[in-house]
Amino acid sequence: MNRKELIDALAQKTGLTKKDAESFLTSFVEAVTKELKKGGSVNLVGFGSFKVTKRAAREARNPRTGAKLKIPARKVPSFKPGKDLKTSVK
């Protein structure tokens, strides 16, 4: 499902117009992004949680040349599904 299909599904399910559903989805993504940028987390009971995790620096190799590369430490967003989501997918 892509963004357009998700907007269509939200509009159909909630009775909102497609424009309102798109506005909602955009606002949701912006709110989650803003919270993660601050270092916080977003917990949606039953669905899952979004948080920022730290990835340690590491050394890798270029597969073509075999040259060593240093990959710096970084922060990455992560999602952990909730219990209800896990059980409904099985």
C-alpha atoms as a PDB file:
ATOM      1  CA  MET A   1       0.000   0.000   0.000  1.00  0.00           C
ATOM      2  CA  ASN A   2       1.437   3.352  -0.974  1.00  0.00           C
ATOM      3  CA  ARG A   3       0.610   6.818   0.383  1.00  0.00           C
ATOM      4  CA  LYS A   4      -2.233   7.461  -2.091  1.00  0.00           C
ATOM      5  CA  GLU A   5      -3.859   4.111  -1.328  1.00  0.00           C
ATOM      6  CA  LEU A   6      -3.559   4.775   2.403  1.00  0.00           C
ATOM      7  CA  ILE A   7      -5.228   8.168   2.008  1.00  0.00           C
ATOM      8  CA  ASP A   8      -8.046   6.561   0.001  1.00  0.00           C
ATOM      9  CA  ALA A   9      -8.515   3.876   2.680  1.00  0.00           C
ATOM     10  CA  LEU A  10      -8.546   6.463   5.490  1.00  0.00           C
ATOM     11  CA  ALA A  11     -11.086   8.592   3.641  1.00  0.00           C
ATOM     12  CA  GLN A  12     -13.355   5.616   2.988  1.00  0.00           C
ATOM     13  CA  LYS A  13     -13.093   4.236   6.532  1.00  0.00           C
ATOM     14  CA  THR A  14     -13.617   7.554   8.360  1.00  0.00           C
ATOM     15  CA  GLY A  15     -15.981   9.302   5.968  1.00  0.00           C
ATOM     16  CA  LEU A  16     -13.554  12.196   5.585  1.00  0.00           C
ATOM     17  CA  THR A  17     -12.778  13.756   2.239  1.00  0.00           C
ATOM     18  CA  LYS A  18      -9.545  12.669   0.578  1.00  0.00           C
ATOM     19  CA  LYS A  19      -8.157  16.156   1.193  1.00  0.00           C
ATOM     20  CA  ASP A  20      -8.904  15.911   4.932  1.00  0.00           C
ATOM     21  CA  ALA A  21      -7.473  12.380   5.108  1.00  0.00           C
ATOM     22  CA  GLU A  22      -4.289  13.569   3.379  1.00  0.00           C
ATOM     23  CA  SER A  23      -4.054  16.499   5.791  1.00  0.00           C
ATOM     24  CA  PHE A  24      -4.443  14.107   8.734  1.00  0.00           C
ATOM     25  CA  LEU A  25      -1.765  11.739   7.434  1.00  0.00           C
ATOM     26  CA  THR A  26       0.655  14.599   6.757  1.00  0.00           C
ATOM     27  CA  SER A  27       0.068  16.021  10.234  1.00  0.00           C
ATOM     28  CA  PHE A  28       0.587  12.600  11.833  1.00  0.00           C
ATOM     29  CA  VAL A  29       3.883  12.041  10.020  1.00  0.00           C
ATOM     30  CA  GLU A  30       5.079  15.554  10.914  1.00  0.00           C
ATOM     31  CA  ALA A  31       4.165  15.096  14.595  1.00  0.00           C
ATOM     32  CA  VAL A  32       5.975  11.753  14.835  1.00  0.00           C
ATOM     33  CA  THR A  33       9.024  13.154  13.018  1.00  0.00           C
ATOM     34  CA  LYS A  34       9.158  16.209  15.293  1.00  0.00           C
ATOM     35  CA  GLU A  35       9.004  14.060  18.437  1.00  0.00           C
ATOM     36  CA  LEU A  36      11.721  11.708  17.175  1.00  0.00           C
ATOM     37  CA  LYS A  37      13.962  14.654  16.285  1.00  0.00           C
ATOM     38  CA  LYS A  38      13.675  15.805  19.909  1.00  0.00           C
ATOM     39  CA  GLY A  39      14.833  12.354  21.009  1.00  0.00           C
ATOM     40  CA  GLY A  40      11.421  11.306  22.311  1.00  0.00           C
ATOM     41  CA  SER A  41       9.225   8.383  21.418  1.00  0.00           C
ATOM     42  CA  VAL A  42       5.658   7.897  20.209  1.00  0.00           C
ATOM     43  CA  ASN A  43       3.698   5.019  21.765  1.00  0.00           C
ATOM     44  CA  LEU A  44       0.406   3.893  20.261  1.00  0.00           C
ATOM     45  CA  VAL A  45      -1.017   1.214  22.560  1.00  0.00           C
ATOM     46  CA  GLY A  46      -1.842  -1.924  20.596  1.00  0.00           C
ATOM     47  CA  PHE A  47      -0.197  -0.653  17.413  1.00  0.00           C
ATOM     48  CA  GLY A  48       3.419  -0.084  18.380  1.00  0.00           C
ATOM     49  CA  SER A  49       6.044   2.460  19.276  1.00  0.00           C
ATOM     50  CA  PHE A  50       8.389   4.689  17.313  1.00  0.00           C
ATOM     51  CA  LYS A  51      11.696   5.652  18.905  1.00  0.00           C
ATOM     52  CA  VAL A  52      15.240   6.683  18.072  1.00  0.00           C
ATOM     53  CA  THR A  53      18.006   4.141  18.582  1.00  0.00           C
ATOM     54  CA  LYS A  54      21.746   4.684  18.443  1.00  0.00           C
ATOM     55  CA  ARG A  55      23.803   2.685  15.989  1.00  0.00           C
ATOM     56  CA  ALA A  56      27.468   2.299  16.928  1.00  0.00           C
ATOM     57  CA  ALA A  57      30.332   3.205  14.610  1.00  0.00           C
ATOM     58  CA  ARG A  58      31.680   0.264  12.666  1.00  0.00           C
ATOM     59  CA  GLU A  59      34.075  -0.748   9.967  1.00  0.00           C
ATOM     60  CA  ALA A  60      32.890  -2.201   6.663  1.00  0.00           C
ATOM     61  CA  ARG A  61      34.392  -3.209   3.343  1.00  0.00           C
ATOM     62  CA  ASN A  62      33.592  -2.136  -0.179  1.00  0.00           C
ATOM     63  CA  PRO A  63      32.522  -5.381  -1.902  1.00  0.00           C
ATOM     64  CA  ARG A  64      34.102  -4.412  -5.238  1.00  0.00           C
ATOM     65  CA  THR A  65      37.484  -3.199  -4.076  1.00  0.00           C
ATOM     66  CA  GLY A  66      37.786  -4.713  -0.621  1.00  0.00           C
ATOM     67  CA  ALA A  67      38.777  -1.290   0.744  1.00  0.00           C
ATOM     68  CA  LYS A  68      37.938  -0.611   4.384  1.00  0.00           C
ATOM     69  CA  LEU A  69      35.330   2.034   5.135  1.00  0.00           C
ATOM     70  CA  LYS A  70      34.535   3.680   8.450  1.00  0.00           C
ATOM     71  CA  ILE A  71      30.834   4.063   9.060  1.00  0.00           C
ATOM     72  CA  PRO A  72      30.204   6.695  11.735  1.00  0.00           C
ATOM     73  CA  ALA A  73      27.826   6.299  14.676  1.00  0.00           C
ATOM     74  CA  ARG A  74      24.340   7.591  14.000  1.00  0.00           C
ATOM     75  CA  LYS A  75      20.814   7.798  15.305  1.00  0.00           C
ATOM     76  CA  VAL A  76      18.132   5.924  13.385  1.00  0.00           C
ATOM     77  CA  PRO A  77      14.360   5.759  13.781  1.00  0.00           C
ATOM     78  CA  SER A  78      12.902   2.385  14.693  1.00  0.00           C
ATOM     79  CA  PHE A  79       9.456   0.858  15.077  1.00  0.00           C
ATOM     80  CA  LYS A  80       8.493  -1.931  17.454  1.00  0.00           C
ATOM     81  CA  PRO A  81       5.070  -3.432  16.767  1.00  0.00           C
ATOM     82  CA  GLY A  82       2.622  -3.771  19.647  1.00  0.00           C
ATOM     83  CA  LYS A  83       1.053  -7.004  20.856  1.00  0.00           C
ATOM     84  CA  ASP A  84      -2.289  -6.439  19.089  1.00  0.00           C
ATOM     85  CA  LEU A  85      -0.579  -5.733  15.750  1.00  0.00           C
ATOM     86  CA  LYS A  86       1.637  -8.801  16.081  1.00  0.00           C
ATOM     87  CA  THR A  87      -1.281 -11.116  16.821  1.00  0.00           C
ATOM     88  CA  SER A  88      -3.485  -9.724  14.066  1.00  0.00           C
ATOM     89  CA  VAL A  89      -0.813 -10.305  11.406  1.00  0.00           C
ATOM     90  CA  LYS A  90      -0.163 -13.954  12.301  1.00  0.00           C
END
